[in-house]
């Protein structure tokens, strides 16, 4: 069985996502997934708040993680 972690890029800042992803990598998870939507999944979210871009986020996480698949 493989385990993955889904990043909610509409809720966390990049430093929070980076730190969580490093922990996930160190815990031995197999993969990290991000959403790629122009609007967040949470309908209560203020649409004026920033959202992390999927490609840029995965690129940044590739520098920070060692074993986990992105």
N, C-alpha and C. Protein backbone atom coordinates (compact mmCIF):
# COMPACT_ATOMS: atom_id res chain seq x y z
N UNK A 1 0.84 -1.16 0.00
CA UNK A 1 0.00 0.00 0.00
C UNK A 1 0.89 1.24 0.00
N UNK A 2 0.48 2.24 -0.78
CA UNK A 2 1.23 3.49 -0.84
C UNK A 2 0.40 4.62 -0.25
N UNK A 3 1.09 5.59 0.33
CA UNK A 3 0.41 6.71 0.96
C UNK A 3 0.86 8.02 0.32
N UNK A 4 -0.10 8.91 0.10
CA UNK A 4 0.19 10.21 -0.45
C UNK A 4 -0.38 11.31 0.43
N UNK A 5 0.09 12.51 0.20
CA UNK A 5 -0.36 13.68 0.95
C UNK A 5 -0.88 14.71 -0.05
N UNK A 6 -2.08 15.23 0.19
CA UNK A 6 -2.68 16.24 -0.68
C UNK A 6 -2.51 17.61 -0.05
N UNK A 7 -1.85 18.51 -0.75
CA UNK A 7 -1.60 19.86 -0.27
C UNK A 7 -2.79 20.75 -0.61
N UNK A 8 -3.34 21.38 0.40
CA UNK A 8 -4.41 22.36 0.17
C UNK A 8 -3.76 23.72 0.00
N UNK A 9 -3.50 24.06 -1.25
CA UNK A 9 -2.74 25.28 -1.54
C UNK A 9 -3.56 26.56 -1.39
N UNK A 10 -4.82 26.42 -1.03
CA UNK A 10 -5.64 27.61 -0.78
C UNK A 10 -5.71 27.94 0.70
N UNK A 11 -5.14 27.10 1.54
CA UNK A 11 -5.25 27.27 2.99
C UNK A 11 -3.92 27.68 3.61
N UNK A 12 -2.83 27.12 3.11
CA UNK A 12 -1.53 27.32 3.73
C UNK A 12 -0.65 28.27 2.91
N UNK A 13 0.29 28.90 3.58
CA UNK A 13 1.31 29.71 2.90
C UNK A 13 2.41 28.78 2.40
N UNK A 14 3.29 29.28 1.53
CA UNK A 14 4.37 28.43 1.04
C UNK A 14 5.26 27.90 2.16
N UNK A 15 5.69 28.72 3.11
CA UNK A 15 6.53 28.16 4.19
C UNK A 15 5.83 27.02 4.95
N UNK A 16 4.53 27.13 5.14
CA UNK A 16 3.80 26.05 5.83
C UNK A 16 3.75 24.80 4.96
N UNK A 17 3.48 24.96 3.67
CA UNK A 17 3.44 23.81 2.75
C UNK A 17 4.82 23.17 2.66
N UNK A 18 5.87 23.99 2.57
CA UNK A 18 7.24 23.47 2.51
C UNK A 18 7.56 22.64 3.74
N UNK A 19 7.26 23.17 4.92
CA UNK A 19 7.57 22.45 6.16
C UNK A 19 6.78 21.15 6.27
N UNK A 20 5.50 21.19 5.92
CA UNK A 20 4.68 19.97 5.94
C UNK A 20 5.20 18.95 4.94
N UNK A 21 5.59 19.40 3.76
CA UNK A 21 6.08 18.49 2.72
C UNK A 21 7.39 17.84 3.12
N UNK A 22 8.26 18.57 3.77
CA UNK A 22 9.51 17.99 4.26
C UNK A 22 9.22 16.93 5.32
N UNK A 23 8.27 17.20 6.21
CA UNK A 23 7.88 16.20 7.21
C UNK A 23 7.30 14.96 6.55
N UNK A 24 6.43 15.17 5.55
CA UNK A 24 5.82 14.06 4.82
C UNK A 24 6.91 13.22 4.15
N UNK A 25 7.88 13.87 3.53
CA UNK A 25 8.99 13.18 2.89
C UNK A 25 9.78 12.37 3.91
N UNK A 26 10.09 12.97 5.05
CA UNK A 26 10.86 12.28 6.09
C UNK A 26 10.09 11.14 6.74
N UNK A 27 8.76 11.22 6.75
CA UNK A 27 7.94 10.15 7.32
C UNK A 27 7.80 8.95 6.38
N UNK A 28 8.25 9.10 5.13
CA UNK A 28 8.22 7.98 4.20
C UNK A 28 6.99 7.90 3.32
N UNK A 29 6.22 8.97 3.22
CA UNK A 29 5.08 8.97 2.30
C UNK A 29 5.61 8.77 0.88
N UNK A 30 4.76 8.24 0.00
CA UNK A 30 5.17 7.94 -1.36
C UNK A 30 5.01 9.12 -2.32
N UNK A 31 4.03 9.98 -2.07
CA UNK A 31 3.76 11.06 -3.02
C UNK A 31 3.13 12.27 -2.35
N UNK A 32 3.27 13.40 -3.04
CA UNK A 32 2.62 14.64 -2.65
C UNK A 32 1.83 15.13 -3.86
N UNK A 33 0.60 15.52 -3.63
CA UNK A 33 -0.28 15.98 -4.71
C UNK A 33 -0.73 17.40 -4.42
N UNK A 34 -0.91 18.19 -5.47
CA UNK A 34 -1.41 19.55 -5.32
C UNK A 34 -2.60 19.75 -6.26
N UNK A 35 -3.46 20.69 -5.91
CA UNK A 35 -4.58 20.99 -6.80
C UNK A 35 -4.18 22.06 -7.80
N UNK A 36 -4.84 22.06 -8.94
CA UNK A 36 -4.55 23.02 -10.00
C UNK A 36 -5.86 23.63 -10.47
N UNK A 37 -6.38 24.54 -9.67
CA UNK A 37 -7.64 25.21 -9.96
C UNK A 37 -7.42 26.71 -9.87
N UNK A 38 -8.18 27.44 -10.63
CA UNK A 38 -8.10 28.90 -10.54
C UNK A 38 -8.79 29.42 -9.29
N UNK A 39 -9.78 28.68 -8.83
CA UNK A 39 -10.48 29.03 -7.60
C UNK A 39 -10.34 27.87 -6.64
N UNK A 40 -10.32 28.17 -5.37
CA UNK A 40 -10.19 27.12 -4.37
C UNK A 40 -11.41 26.22 -4.30
N UNK A 41 -11.22 25.06 -3.74
CA UNK A 41 -12.31 24.10 -3.58
C UNK A 41 -13.25 24.52 -2.47
N UNK A 42 -12.76 25.29 -1.53
CA UNK A 42 -13.56 25.71 -0.39
C UNK A 42 -14.39 26.93 -0.79
N UNK A 43 -15.69 26.78 -0.84
CA UNK A 43 -16.56 27.87 -1.29
C UNK A 43 -16.60 29.01 -0.29
N UNK A 44 -16.15 28.79 0.93
CA UNK A 44 -16.12 29.84 1.93
C UNK A 44 -14.88 30.71 1.82
N UNK A 45 -13.93 30.30 1.00
CA UNK A 45 -12.68 31.03 0.86
C UNK A 45 -12.92 32.39 0.21
N UNK A 46 -12.24 33.39 0.72
CA UNK A 46 -12.28 34.72 0.12
C UNK A 46 -11.47 34.67 -1.17
N UNK A 47 -12.10 34.91 -2.29
CA UNK A 47 -11.43 34.77 -3.59
C UNK A 47 -10.35 35.82 -3.82
N UNK A 48 -10.26 36.78 -2.96
CA UNK A 48 -9.20 37.79 -3.10
C UNK A 48 -7.90 37.32 -2.46
N UNK A 49 -7.96 36.26 -1.69
CA UNK A 49 -6.75 35.75 -1.04
C UNK A 49 -5.89 35.00 -2.06
N UNK A 50 -4.57 35.04 -1.90
CA UNK A 50 -3.69 34.36 -2.86
C UNK A 50 -3.81 32.85 -2.78
N UNK A 51 -3.50 32.22 -3.90
CA UNK A 51 -3.50 30.76 -3.99
C UNK A 51 -2.19 30.35 -4.66
N UNK A 52 -1.56 29.32 -4.15
CA UNK A 52 -0.28 28.88 -4.70
C UNK A 52 -0.49 28.20 -6.06
N UNK A 53 0.31 28.57 -7.05
CA UNK A 53 0.25 27.98 -8.38
C UNK A 53 0.84 26.57 -8.33
N UNK A 54 0.17 25.61 -8.97
CA UNK A 54 0.56 24.21 -8.88
C UNK A 54 1.96 23.94 -9.44
N UNK A 55 2.26 24.45 -10.62
CA UNK A 55 3.56 24.18 -11.24
C UNK A 55 4.70 24.81 -10.43
N UNK A 56 4.50 26.04 -10.01
CA UNK A 56 5.53 26.72 -9.21
C UNK A 56 5.72 26.03 -7.86
N UNK A 57 4.61 25.58 -7.26
CA UNK A 57 4.68 24.90 -5.98
C UNK A 57 5.44 23.58 -6.10
N UNK A 58 5.11 22.78 -7.12
CA UNK A 58 5.81 21.51 -7.32
C UNK A 58 7.30 21.72 -7.60
N UNK A 59 7.61 22.76 -8.36
CA UNK A 59 9.01 23.07 -8.65
C UNK A 59 9.77 23.41 -7.37
N UNK A 60 9.17 24.23 -6.54
CA UNK A 60 9.80 24.61 -5.27
C UNK A 60 9.94 23.41 -4.35
N UNK A 61 8.92 22.55 -4.30
CA UNK A 61 8.98 21.37 -3.43
C UNK A 61 10.01 20.35 -3.91
N UNK A 62 10.27 20.33 -5.22
CA UNK A 62 11.29 19.42 -5.75
C UNK A 62 12.67 19.76 -5.20
N UNK A 63 12.90 21.03 -4.91
CA UNK A 63 14.18 21.45 -4.33
C UNK A 63 14.26 21.04 -2.86
N UNK A 64 13.14 21.04 -2.18
CA UNK A 64 13.11 20.83 -0.73
C UNK A 64 13.00 19.36 -0.31
N UNK A 65 12.43 18.50 -1.16
CA UNK A 65 12.20 17.10 -0.80
C UNK A 65 13.25 16.21 -1.45
N UNK A 66 13.36 14.98 -0.95
CA UNK A 66 14.40 14.08 -1.44
C UNK A 66 13.86 12.81 -2.11
N UNK A 67 12.86 12.15 -1.49
CA UNK A 67 12.43 10.84 -1.96
C UNK A 67 11.01 10.80 -2.50
N UNK A 68 10.17 11.68 -2.03
CA UNK A 68 8.75 11.63 -2.34
C UNK A 68 8.51 12.01 -3.81
N UNK A 69 7.53 11.34 -4.44
CA UNK A 69 7.15 11.68 -5.82
C UNK A 69 6.20 12.86 -5.80
N UNK A 70 6.38 13.77 -6.74
CA UNK A 70 5.53 14.95 -6.83
C UNK A 70 4.62 14.82 -8.03
